[in-house]
Amino acid sequence: MIEIRQTNPIDVGVRELIAELDDYQRAIYPEQSNHLDPVEQLVKPNVCFVGAYNEHDHENNLLGIGAIKYLCHDCDYGEIKRVYVRAARRGQGISKLIMAYLENDACKKGVKIVRLETGIYQPEAIGLYEKFGYRKRGRFGQYLDDPDDSMSVFMEKILTKAQPGENPSSGNTNAPPIDIPLL
């Protein structure tokens, strides 16, 4: 079973996965195009940081991570950050569970707008976000000061009571399943 739960980004295993994500991003984008929040930002009270855990594999049980950072710039919104699943575990719906958890957290906090920035060389991530109802938009927040956003794709979703934690594979818009069996 996979369980999505809040976790501490300072924990050693989580830091290792964050470093793996950083290495992945640095391999495909120039340094100035990486907008990676450091661990120190991810532990702040305005961030919900989660891990996807395989409860049956206690040695290698952290499968993926994700976060939503709550901000107030031009309006109240949440920004999806650091969604990443280990390469060997991709294609199993883990990123969908992470996204559903984060959107559900935003809905519980009364946040109506969720935004994100991803890169042009990540079509799988863009596809995931589009399946969840995200649409392309212009720069926002701290990205307004970025003189070269040619490597970025900016997206946004307006949450409604019918949309939190949307599970794109079933079309069900109720609260997300948090535990799923591994096939």
N, C-alpha and C. Protein backbone atom coordinates (compact mmCIF):
# COMPACT_ATOMS: atom_id res chain seq x y z
N MET A 1 0.84 -1.19 0.00
CA MET A 1 0.00 0.00 0.00
C MET A 1 0.88 1.25 0.00
N ILE A 2 0.42 2.25 -0.69
CA ILE A 2 1.11 3.54 -0.71
C ILE A 2 0.33 4.49 0.18
N GLU A 3 1.04 5.15 1.07
CA GLU A 3 0.43 6.13 1.95
C GLU A 3 1.07 7.48 1.70
N ILE A 4 0.23 8.50 1.52
CA ILE A 4 0.70 9.87 1.39
C ILE A 4 0.50 10.52 2.74
N ARG A 5 1.58 11.08 3.29
CA ARG A 5 1.45 11.74 4.59
C ARG A 5 2.46 12.89 4.70
N GLN A 6 2.12 13.83 5.57
CA GLN A 6 3.03 14.94 5.81
C GLN A 6 4.31 14.39 6.43
N THR A 7 5.42 14.96 5.99
CA THR A 7 6.71 14.50 6.46
C THR A 7 7.64 15.70 6.60
N ASN A 8 8.74 15.49 7.25
CA ASN A 8 9.70 16.56 7.51
C ASN A 8 10.79 16.54 6.44
N PRO A 9 10.93 17.62 5.68
CA PRO A 9 11.95 17.65 4.64
C PRO A 9 13.38 17.62 5.18
N ILE A 10 13.55 17.78 6.48
CA ILE A 10 14.89 17.71 7.07
C ILE A 10 15.33 16.27 7.31
N ASP A 11 14.39 15.33 7.38
CA ASP A 11 14.76 13.93 7.61
C ASP A 11 15.76 13.47 6.55
N VAL A 12 16.69 12.63 6.95
CA VAL A 12 17.79 12.21 6.08
C VAL A 12 17.29 11.61 4.77
N GLY A 13 16.37 10.66 4.82
CA GLY A 13 15.87 10.04 3.60
C GLY A 13 15.17 11.01 2.68
N VAL A 14 14.46 11.96 3.26
CA VAL A 14 13.76 12.97 2.47
C VAL A 14 14.77 13.90 1.82
N ARG A 15 15.79 14.30 2.58
CA ARG A 15 16.84 15.18 2.02
C ARG A 15 17.54 14.50 0.86
N GLU A 16 17.74 13.18 0.97
CA GLU A 16 18.38 12.44 -0.13
C GLU A 16 17.52 12.48 -1.38
N LEU A 17 16.21 12.34 -1.23
CA LEU A 17 15.33 12.39 -2.39
C LEU A 17 15.26 13.81 -2.97
N ILE A 18 15.29 14.82 -2.12
CA ILE A 18 15.35 16.21 -2.60
C ILE A 18 16.64 16.42 -3.39
N ALA A 19 17.76 15.89 -2.90
CA ALA A 19 19.04 16.01 -3.63
C ALA A 19 18.96 15.29 -4.97
N GLU A 20 18.28 14.14 -5.01
CA GLU A 20 18.10 13.41 -6.27
C GLU A 20 17.30 14.26 -7.26
N LEU A 21 16.25 14.92 -6.78
CA LEU A 21 15.48 15.82 -7.63
C LEU A 21 16.33 16.98 -8.12
N ASP A 22 17.12 17.57 -7.24
CA ASP A 22 18.00 18.67 -7.64
C ASP A 22 18.96 18.23 -8.74
N ASP A 23 19.56 17.05 -8.59
CA ASP A 23 20.48 16.53 -9.60
C ASP A 23 19.76 16.32 -10.93
N TYR A 24 18.55 15.78 -10.87
CA TYR A 24 17.74 15.56 -12.07
C TYR A 24 17.48 16.89 -12.79
N GLN A 25 17.06 17.90 -12.03
CA GLN A 25 16.75 19.21 -12.62
C GLN A 25 18.00 19.86 -13.21
N ARG A 26 19.10 19.77 -12.51
CA ARG A 26 20.34 20.39 -12.99
C ARG A 26 20.89 19.71 -14.23
N ALA A 27 20.53 18.46 -14.44
CA ALA A 27 20.99 17.73 -15.63
C ALA A 27 20.23 18.16 -16.89
N ILE A 28 19.02 18.71 -16.73
CA ILE A 28 18.24 19.07 -17.92
C ILE A 28 18.01 20.57 -18.12
N TYR A 29 18.30 21.38 -17.09
CA TYR A 29 18.10 22.82 -17.21
C TYR A 29 19.34 23.58 -16.74
N PRO A 30 19.60 24.75 -17.34
CA PRO A 30 20.68 25.59 -16.81
C PRO A 30 20.34 26.08 -15.40
N GLU A 31 21.35 26.38 -14.63
CA GLU A 31 21.17 26.76 -13.22
C GLU A 31 20.16 27.89 -13.04
N GLN A 32 20.21 28.91 -13.89
CA GLN A 32 19.30 30.06 -13.72
C GLN A 32 17.84 29.70 -14.02
N SER A 33 17.61 28.54 -14.61
CA SER A 33 16.24 28.11 -14.91
C SER A 33 15.67 27.15 -13.88
N ASN A 34 16.44 26.84 -12.86
CA ASN A 34 15.96 25.97 -11.79
C ASN A 34 15.44 26.83 -10.65
N HIS A 35 14.19 26.63 -10.32
CA HIS A 35 13.54 27.38 -9.24
C HIS A 35 13.24 26.41 -8.10
N LEU A 36 14.30 25.93 -7.47
CA LEU A 36 14.19 24.88 -6.46
C LEU A 36 14.23 25.50 -5.06
N ASP A 37 13.13 25.39 -4.35
CA ASP A 37 13.13 25.88 -2.97
C ASP A 37 14.06 25.02 -2.13
N PRO A 38 14.95 25.64 -1.37
CA PRO A 38 15.84 24.86 -0.49
C PRO A 38 15.05 24.28 0.68
N VAL A 39 15.63 23.31 1.32
CA VAL A 39 14.99 22.63 2.45
C VAL A 39 14.56 23.65 3.51
N GLU A 40 15.36 24.67 3.73
CA GLU A 40 15.04 25.67 4.74
C GLU A 40 13.71 26.37 4.45
N GLN A 41 13.34 26.50 3.18
CA GLN A 41 12.06 27.09 2.81
C GLN A 41 10.91 26.09 2.98
N LEU A 42 11.23 24.81 2.80
CA LEU A 42 10.20 23.76 2.84
C LEU A 42 9.74 23.41 4.25
N VAL A 43 10.46 23.85 5.27
CA VAL A 43 10.07 23.56 6.66
C VAL A 43 9.25 24.70 7.28
N LYS A 44 9.03 25.76 6.54
CA LYS A 44 8.29 26.90 7.08
C LYS A 44 6.82 26.54 7.30
N PRO A 45 6.15 27.27 8.19
CA PRO A 45 4.76 26.95 8.53
C PRO A 45 3.77 27.09 7.37
N ASN A 46 4.13 27.85 6.33
CA ASN A 46 3.22 28.04 5.20
C ASN A 46 3.38 26.95 4.13
N VAL A 47 4.08 25.85 4.46
CA VAL A 47 4.32 24.77 3.50
C VAL A 47 3.77 23.46 4.04
N CYS A 48 3.06 22.74 3.18
CA CYS A 48 2.65 21.36 3.47
C CYS A 48 3.54 20.48 2.60
N PHE A 49 4.43 19.75 3.24
CA PHE A 49 5.38 18.88 2.54
C PHE A 49 5.00 17.43 2.81
N VAL A 50 4.84 16.64 1.74
CA VAL A 50 4.39 15.26 1.91
C VAL A 50 5.36 14.28 1.26
N GLY A 51 5.27 13.05 1.75
CA GLY A 51 6.01 11.94 1.17
C GLY A 51 5.05 10.83 0.81
N ALA A 52 5.40 10.09 -0.22
CA ALA A 52 4.66 8.89 -0.61
C ALA A 52 5.46 7.70 -0.11
N TYR A 53 4.85 6.90 0.75
CA TYR A 53 5.55 5.81 1.41
C TYR A 53 4.94 4.46 1.04
N ASN A 54 5.81 3.49 0.80
CA ASN A 54 5.39 2.10 0.63
C ASN A 54 5.47 1.46 2.00
N GLU A 55 4.33 1.20 2.58
CA GLU A 55 4.29 0.69 3.95
C GLU A 55 4.79 -0.75 4.07
N HIS A 56 4.96 -1.43 2.93
CA HIS A 56 5.41 -2.83 2.97
C HIS A 56 6.92 -2.97 2.74
N ASP A 57 7.60 -1.89 2.41
CA ASP A 57 9.05 -1.93 2.16
C ASP A 57 9.69 -0.92 3.10
N HIS A 58 10.12 -1.38 4.26
CA HIS A 58 10.61 -0.46 5.29
C HIS A 58 12.02 0.05 5.03
N GLU A 59 12.78 -0.59 4.14
CA GLU A 59 14.13 -0.10 3.86
C GLU A 59 14.13 1.00 2.81
N ASN A 60 13.34 0.85 1.78
CA ASN A 60 13.28 1.84 0.70
C ASN A 60 11.83 2.30 0.53
N ASN A 61 11.25 2.81 1.60
CA ASN A 61 9.82 3.08 1.53
C ASN A 61 9.44 4.47 1.05
N LEU A 62 10.37 5.43 0.94
CA LEU A 62 10.03 6.76 0.43
C LEU A 62 10.09 6.72 -1.09
N LEU A 63 8.93 6.84 -1.73
CA LEU A 63 8.82 6.71 -3.17
C LEU A 63 8.77 8.04 -3.90
N GLY A 64 8.26 9.06 -3.23
CA GLY A 64 8.10 10.36 -3.87
C GLY A 64 7.81 11.44 -2.86
N ILE A 65 7.85 12.67 -3.33
CA ILE A 65 7.63 13.84 -2.48
C ILE A 65 6.82 14.89 -3.23
N GLY A 66 6.34 15.86 -2.50
CA GLY A 66 5.66 17.00 -3.08
C GLY A 66 5.34 18.01 -1.98
N ALA A 67 5.07 19.23 -2.40
CA ALA A 67 4.77 20.28 -1.43
C ALA A 67 3.82 21.28 -2.04
N ILE A 68 3.12 21.98 -1.16
CA ILE A 68 2.36 23.16 -1.57
C ILE A 68 2.72 24.27 -0.61
N LYS A 69 3.11 25.38 -1.18
CA LYS A 69 3.52 26.55 -0.42
C LYS A 69 2.41 27.59 -0.55
N TYR A 70 1.91 28.08 0.58
CA TYR A 70 0.81 29.04 0.58
C TYR A 70 1.38 30.45 0.59
N LEU A 71 0.92 31.26 -0.39
CA LEU A 71 1.49 32.59 -0.63
C LEU A 71 0.41 33.65 -0.75
N CYS A 72 0.80 34.89 -0.52
CA CYS A 72 -0.07 36.04 -0.74
C CYS A 72 0.73 37.09 -1.48
N HIS A 73 0.63 37.10 -2.80
CA HIS A 73 1.28 38.14 -3.61
C HIS A 73 0.19 38.99 -4.24
N ASP A 74 -0.35 38.54 -5.38
CA ASP A 74 -1.44 39.28 -5.99
C ASP A 74 -2.79 38.77 -5.51
N CYS A 75 -2.81 37.63 -4.86
CA CYS A 75 -4.01 37.07 -4.24
C CYS A 75 -3.57 35.88 -3.39
N ASP A 76 -4.46 35.32 -2.63
CA ASP A 76 -4.12 34.14 -1.85
C ASP A 76 -4.09 32.94 -2.79
N TYR A 77 -2.99 32.21 -2.79
CA TYR A 77 -2.89 31.02 -3.62
C TYR A 77 -1.87 30.06 -3.03
N GLY A 78 -1.91 28.85 -3.53
CA GLY A 78 -0.91 27.86 -3.17
C GLY A 78 -0.08 27.55 -4.40
N GLU A 79 1.20 27.31 -4.17
CA GLU A 79 2.08 26.94 -5.28
C GLU A 79 2.61 25.52 -5.06
N ILE A 80 2.36 24.67 -6.03
CA ILE A 80 2.87 23.30 -6.00
C ILE A 80 4.38 23.35 -6.23
N LYS A 81 5.12 22.65 -5.38
CA LYS A 81 6.58 22.61 -5.47
C LYS A 81 7.06 21.17 -5.27
N ARG A 82 8.17 20.85 -5.88
CA ARG A 82 8.94 19.65 -5.56
C ARG A 82 8.21 18.32 -5.74
N VAL A 83 7.27 18.23 -6.70
CA VAL A 83 6.62 16.94 -6.95
C VAL A 83 7.62 16.07 -7.72
N TYR A 84 7.96 14.94 -7.12
CA TYR A 84 8.99 14.07 -7.70
C TYR A 84 8.77 12.64 -7.22
N VAL A 85 8.90 11.71 -8.13
CA VAL A 85 8.80 10.28 -7.83
C VAL A 85 10.06 9.61 -8.34
N ARG A 86 10.60 8.71 -7.53
CA ARG A 86 11.80 7.96 -7.95
C ARG A 86 11.57 7.33 -9.32
N ALA A 87 12.61 7.35 -10.16
CA ALA A 87 12.50 6.87 -11.54
C ALA A 87 11.95 5.45 -11.61
N ALA A 88 12.38 4.58 -10.72
CA ALA A 88 11.95 3.18 -10.76
C ALA A 88 10.48 3.01 -10.40
N ARG A 89 9.85 4.03 -9.82
CA ARG A 89 8.46 3.92 -9.36
C ARG A 89 7.50 4.77 -10.18
N ARG A 90 7.98 5.39 -11.24
CA ARG A 90 7.11 6.23 -12.07
C ARG A 90 6.13 5.36 -12.85
N GLY A 91 5.01 5.95 -13.22
CA GLY A 91 4.00 5.25 -13.99
C GLY A 91 3.06 4.41 -13.15
N GLN A 92 3.12 4.55 -11.83
CA GLN A 92 2.29 3.76 -10.92
C GLN A 92 1.22 4.60 -10.22
N GLY A 93 1.06 5.85 -10.64
CA GLY A 93 0.03 6.70 -10.06
C GLY A 93 0.43 7.43 -8.79
N ILE A 94 1.70 7.34 -8.42
CA ILE A 94 2.15 7.96 -7.17
C ILE A 94 2.06 9.47 -7.25
N SER A 95 2.46 10.07 -8.37
CA SER A 95 2.39 11.53 -8.49
C SER A 95 0.93 12.01 -8.45
N LYS A 96 0.00 11.19 -8.95
CA LYS A 96 -1.42 11.55 -8.88
C LYS A 96 -1.88 11.60 -7.42
N LEU A 97 -1.43 10.64 -6.64
CA LEU A 97 -1.80 10.63 -5.22
C LEU A 97 -1.22 11.84 -4.48
N ILE A 98 0.02 12.18 -4.80
CA ILE A 98 0.66 13.35 -4.18
C ILE A 98 -0.12 14.61 -4.54
N MET A 99 -0.43 14.78 -5.82
CA MET A 99 -1.17 15.96 -6.27
C MET A 99 -2.55 16.03 -5.61
N ALA A 100 -3.23 14.90 -5.55
CA ALA A 100 -4.56 14.88 -4.93
C ALA A 100 -4.49 15.30 -3.47
N TYR A 101 -3.48 14.80 -2.75
CA TYR A 101 -3.31 15.16 -1.34
C TYR A 101 -3.08 16.67 -1.21
N LEU A 102 -2.19 17.21 -2.05
CA LEU A 102 -1.86 18.64 -1.95
C LEU A 102 -3.07 19.51 -2.28
N GLU A 103 -3.82 19.15 -3.32
CA GLU A 103 -5.02 19.92 -3.65
C GLU A 103 -6.06 19.84 -2.53
N ASN A 104 -6.19 18.67 -1.96
CA ASN A 104 -7.14 18.50 -0.87
C ASN A 104 -6.73 19.37 0.33
N ASP A 105 -5.43 19.44 0.60
CA ASP A 105 -4.94 20.29 1.69
C ASP A 105 -5.30 21.75 1.40
N ALA A 106 -5.11 22.18 0.14
CA ALA A 106 -5.45 23.56 -0.23
C ALA A 106 -6.93 23.83 -0.01
N CYS A 107 -7.77 22.89 -0.41
CA CYS A 107 -9.22 23.06 -0.22
C CYS A 107 -9.58 23.17 1.26
N LYS A 108 -8.95 22.34 2.09
CA LYS A 108 -9.22 22.39 3.53
C LYS A 108 -8.83 23.74 4.12
N LYS A 109 -7.82 24.38 3.55
CA LYS A 109 -7.37 25.68 4.03
C LYS A 109 -8.14 26.83 3.39
N GLY A 110 -9.07 26.52 2.49
CA GLY A 110 -9.87 27.55 1.85
C GLY A 110 -9.18 28.23 0.68
N VAL A 111 -8.08 27.68 0.22
CA VAL A 111 -7.35 28.25 -0.92
C VAL A 111 -8.07 27.87 -2.20
N LYS A 112 -8.32 28.84 -3.05
CA LYS A 112 -9.09 28.60 -4.28
C LYS A 112 -8.23 28.52 -5.54
N ILE A 113 -7.00 29.02 -5.48
CA ILE A 113 -6.14 29.04 -6.66
C ILE A 113 -4.85 28.28 -6.34
N VAL A 114 -4.48 27.38 -7.23
CA VAL A 114 -3.22 26.65 -7.11
C VAL A 114 -2.44 26.89 -8.39
N ARG A 115 -1.18 27.27 -8.22
CA ARG A 115 -0.31 27.57 -9.36
C ARG A 115 0.94 26.71 -9.27
N LEU A 116 1.66 26.67 -10.38
CA LEU A 116 2.93 25.94 -10.39
C LEU A 116 3.78 26.41 -11.55
N GLU A 117 5.06 26.10 -11.43
CA GLU A 117 6.03 26.32 -12.51
C GLU A 117 6.71 24.99 -12.73
N THR A 118 6.78 24.58 -13.98
CA THR A 118 7.52 23.38 -14.35
C THR A 118 8.36 23.72 -15.57
N GLY A 119 9.11 22.75 -16.05
CA GLY A 119 10.01 23.02 -17.16
C GLY A 119 9.52 22.46 -18.49
N ILE A 120 10.01 23.06 -19.57
CA ILE A 120 9.59 22.67 -20.91
C ILE A 120 10.05 21.27 -21.30
N TYR A 121 11.06 20.74 -20.63
CA TYR A 121 11.57 19.41 -20.96
C TYR A 121 10.96 18.31 -20.09
N GLN A 122 9.83 18.59 -19.50
CA GLN A 122 9.15 17.60 -18.65
C GLN A 122 7.72 17.40 -19.13
N PRO A 123 7.55 16.77 -20.30
CA PRO A 123 6.20 16.59 -20.84
C PRO A 123 5.31 15.71 -19.97
N GLU A 124 5.90 14.77 -19.25
CA GLU A 124 5.09 13.92 -18.37
C GLU A 124 4.48 14.74 -17.25
N ALA A 125 5.27 15.64 -16.68
CA ALA A 125 4.76 16.50 -15.61
C ALA A 125 3.68 17.43 -16.15
N ILE A 126 3.92 18.03 -17.29
CA ILE A 126 2.92 18.92 -17.90
C ILE A 126 1.63 18.15 -18.16
N GLY A 127 1.76 16.92 -18.67
CA GLY A 127 0.58 16.08 -18.93
C GLY A 127 -0.18 15.76 -17.66
N LEU A 128 0.54 15.45 -16.58
CA LEU A 128 -0.10 15.18 -15.30
C LEU A 128 -0.91 16.40 -14.85
N TYR A 129 -0.28 17.56 -14.89
CA TYR A 129 -0.97 18.77 -14.44
C TYR A 129 -2.18 19.08 -15.31
N GLU A 130 -2.06 18.88 -16.62
CA GLU A 130 -3.20 19.12 -17.51
C GLU A 130 -4.34 18.16 -17.19
N LYS A 131 -4.03 16.90 -16.89
CA LYS A 131 -5.07 15.93 -16.52
C LYS A 131 -5.78 16.35 -15.24
N PHE A 132 -5.08 17.05 -14.37
CA PHE A 132 -5.67 17.53 -13.13
C PHE A 132 -6.41 18.85 -13.32
N GLY A 133 -6.44 19.37 -14.54
CA GLY A 133 -7.20 20.58 -14.82
C GLY A 133 -6.39 21.87 -14.80
N TYR A 134 -5.08 21.78 -14.74
CA TYR A 134 -4.25 22.98 -14.77
C TYR A 134 -4.16 23.50 -16.20
N ARG A 135 -4.16 24.82 -16.33
CA ARG A 135 -4.06 25.46 -17.63
C ARG A 135 -2.89 26.44 -17.62
N LYS A 136 -2.28 26.59 -18.78
CA LYS A 136 -1.13 27.50 -18.89
C LYS A 136 -1.56 28.93 -18.63
N ARG A 137 -0.65 29.67 -18.03
CA ARG A 137 -0.88 31.08 -17.70
C ARG A 137 0.46 31.80 -17.77
N GLY A 138 0.47 33.09 -17.51
CA GLY A 138 1.69 33.87 -17.49
C GLY A 138 2.43 33.74 -16.17
N ARG A 139 3.59 34.39 -16.12
CA ARG A 139 4.40 34.38 -14.90
C ARG A 139 3.60 34.93 -13.72
N PHE A 140 4.02 34.54 -12.52
CA PHE A 140 3.35 34.99 -11.30
C PHE A 140 4.38 35.04 -10.18
N GLY A 141 4.00 35.69 -9.08
CA GLY A 141 4.82 35.71 -7.86
C GLY A 141 6.27 36.08 -8.10
N GLN A 142 7.19 35.32 -7.52
CA GLN A 142 8.61 35.62 -7.62
C GLN A 142 9.13 35.46 -9.05
N TYR A 143 8.39 34.78 -9.91
CA TYR A 143 8.83 34.58 -11.30
C TYR A 143 8.69 35.85 -12.13
N LEU A 144 7.95 36.85 -11.63
CA LEU A 144 7.81 38.10 -12.36
C LEU A 144 9.15 38.79 -12.56
N ASP A 145 10.09 38.55 -11.64
CA ASP A 145 11.40 39.17 -11.73
C ASP A 145 12.40 38.36 -12.54
N ASP A 146 11.99 37.21 -13.09
CA ASP A 146 12.87 36.35 -13.87
C ASP A 146 12.97 36.89 -15.29
N PRO A 147 14.13 37.39 -15.70
CA PRO A 147 14.24 38.00 -17.03
C PRO A 147 14.13 36.98 -18.18
N ASP A 148 14.40 35.70 -17.91
CA ASP A 148 14.36 34.69 -18.97
C ASP A 148 13.54 33.50 -18.48
N ASP A 149 12.27 33.45 -18.88
CA ASP A 149 11.42 32.34 -18.47
C ASP A 149 11.19 31.36 -19.61
N SER A 150 12.11 31.34 -20.59
CA SER A 150 11.92 30.51 -21.78
C SER A 150 11.93 29.01 -21.47
N MET A 151 12.44 28.62 -20.33
CA MET A 151 12.47 27.21 -19.94
C MET A 151 11.30 26.83 -19.04
N SER A 152 10.47 27.80 -18.70
CA SER A 152 9.39 27.58 -17.75
C SER A 152 8.04 27.44 -18.42
N VAL A 153 7.19 26.64 -17.80
CA VAL A 153 5.78 26.54 -18.14
C VAL A 153 5.03 26.89 -16.85
N PHE A 154 4.20 27.92 -16.89
CA PHE A 154 3.43 28.35 -15.73
C PHE A 154 2.00 27.87 -15.89
N MET A 155 1.44 27.33 -14.82
CA MET A 155 0.09 26.76 -14.89
C MET A 155 -0.70 27.15 -13.65
N GLU A 156 -2.03 27.05 -13.78
CA GLU A 156 -2.92 27.43 -12.69
C GLU A 156 -4.20 26.60 -12.75
N LYS A 157 -4.77 26.38 -11.59
CA LYS A 157 -6.06 25.70 -11.47
C LYS A 157 -6.88 26.44 -10.43
N ILE A 158 -8.14 26.69 -10.76
CA ILE A 158 -9.08 27.26 -9.80
C ILE A 158 -9.79 26.09 -9.14
N LEU A 159 -9.68 25.98 -7.83
CA LEU A 159 -10.33 24.89 -7.10
C LEU A 159 -11.76 25.27 -6.75
N THR A 160 -12.64 24.30 -6.89
CA THR A 160 -14.02 24.47 -6.45
C THR A 160 -14.34 23.29 -5.56
N LYS A 161 -15.48 23.31 -4.94
CA LYS A 161 -15.86 22.20 -4.07
C LYS A 161 -15.96 20.89 -4.84
N ALA A 162 -16.22 20.96 -6.14
CA ALA A 162 -16.35 19.75 -6.94
C ALA A 162 -14.99 19.23 -7.43
N GLN A 163 -13.90 20.01 -7.22
CA GLN A 163 -12.62 19.63 -7.80
C GLN A 163 -11.53 19.19 -6.84
N PRO A 164 -11.63 19.38 -5.53
CA PRO A 164 -10.46 19.08 -4.71
C PRO A 164 -10.03 17.63 -4.84
N GLY A 165 -8.73 17.44 -4.99
CA GLY A 165 -8.19 16.10 -5.03
C GLY A 165 -8.70 15.28 -6.18
N GLU A 166 -8.99 15.92 -7.30
CA GLU A 166 -9.52 15.21 -8.45
C GLU A 166 -8.65 14.02 -8.80
N ASN A 167 -9.29 12.89 -8.98
CA ASN A 167 -8.59 11.66 -9.39
C ASN A 167 -8.83 11.51 -10.88
N PRO A 168 -7.85 11.89 -11.72
CA PRO A 168 -8.08 11.94 -13.16
C PRO A 168 -8.37 10.59 -13.79
N SER A 169 -7.93 9.50 -13.22
CA SER A 169 -8.14 8.21 -13.85
C SER A 169 -9.58 7.73 -13.73
N SER A 170 -10.28 8.16 -12.70
CA SER A 170 -11.64 7.68 -12.51
C SER A 170 -12.70 8.72 -12.82
N GLY A 171 -12.27 9.98 -12.95
CA GLY A 171 -13.23 11.05 -13.14
C GLY A 171 -13.94 11.43 -11.85
N ASN A 172 -13.61 10.79 -10.74
CA ASN A 172 -14.22 11.07 -9.45
C ASN A 172 -13.62 12.34 -8.90
N THR A 173 -14.45 13.26 -8.47
CA THR A 173 -13.96 14.52 -7.93
C THR A 173 -14.12 14.60 -6.43
N ASN A 174 -14.34 13.49 -5.77
CA ASN A 174 -14.42 13.49 -4.32
C ASN A 174 -13.03 13.47 -3.73
N ALA A 175 -12.94 13.43 -2.42
CA ALA A 175 -11.65 13.41 -1.75
C ALA A 175 -10.80 12.27 -2.29
N PRO A 176 -9.48 12.47 -2.36
CA PRO A 176 -8.61 11.51 -3.02
C PRO A 176 -8.41 10.24 -2.20
N PRO A 177 -8.18 9.13 -2.90
CA PRO A 177 -7.75 7.94 -2.17
C PRO A 177 -6.31 8.15 -1.72
N ILE A 178 -6.01 7.84 -0.50
CA ILE A 178 -4.66 8.05 -0.01
C ILE A 178 -3.88 6.75 0.01
N ASP A 179 -4.55 5.63 0.22
CA ASP A 179 -3.87 4.32 0.20
C ASP A 179 -4.31 3.57 -1.05
N ILE A 180 -3.35 3.01 -1.79
CA ILE A 180 -3.67 2.16 -2.93
C ILE A 180 -2.82 0.92 -2.87
N PRO A 181 -3.33 -0.21 -3.37
CA PRO A 181 -2.51 -1.42 -3.38
C PRO A 181 -1.49 -1.33 -4.51
N LEU A 182 -0.32 -1.87 -4.30
CA LEU A 182 0.68 -1.97 -5.35
C LEU A 182 0.38 -3.16 -6.22
N LEU A 183 0.43 -2.99 -7.52
CA LEU A 183 0.18 -4.09 -8.45
C LEU A 183 1.46 -4.80 -8.79
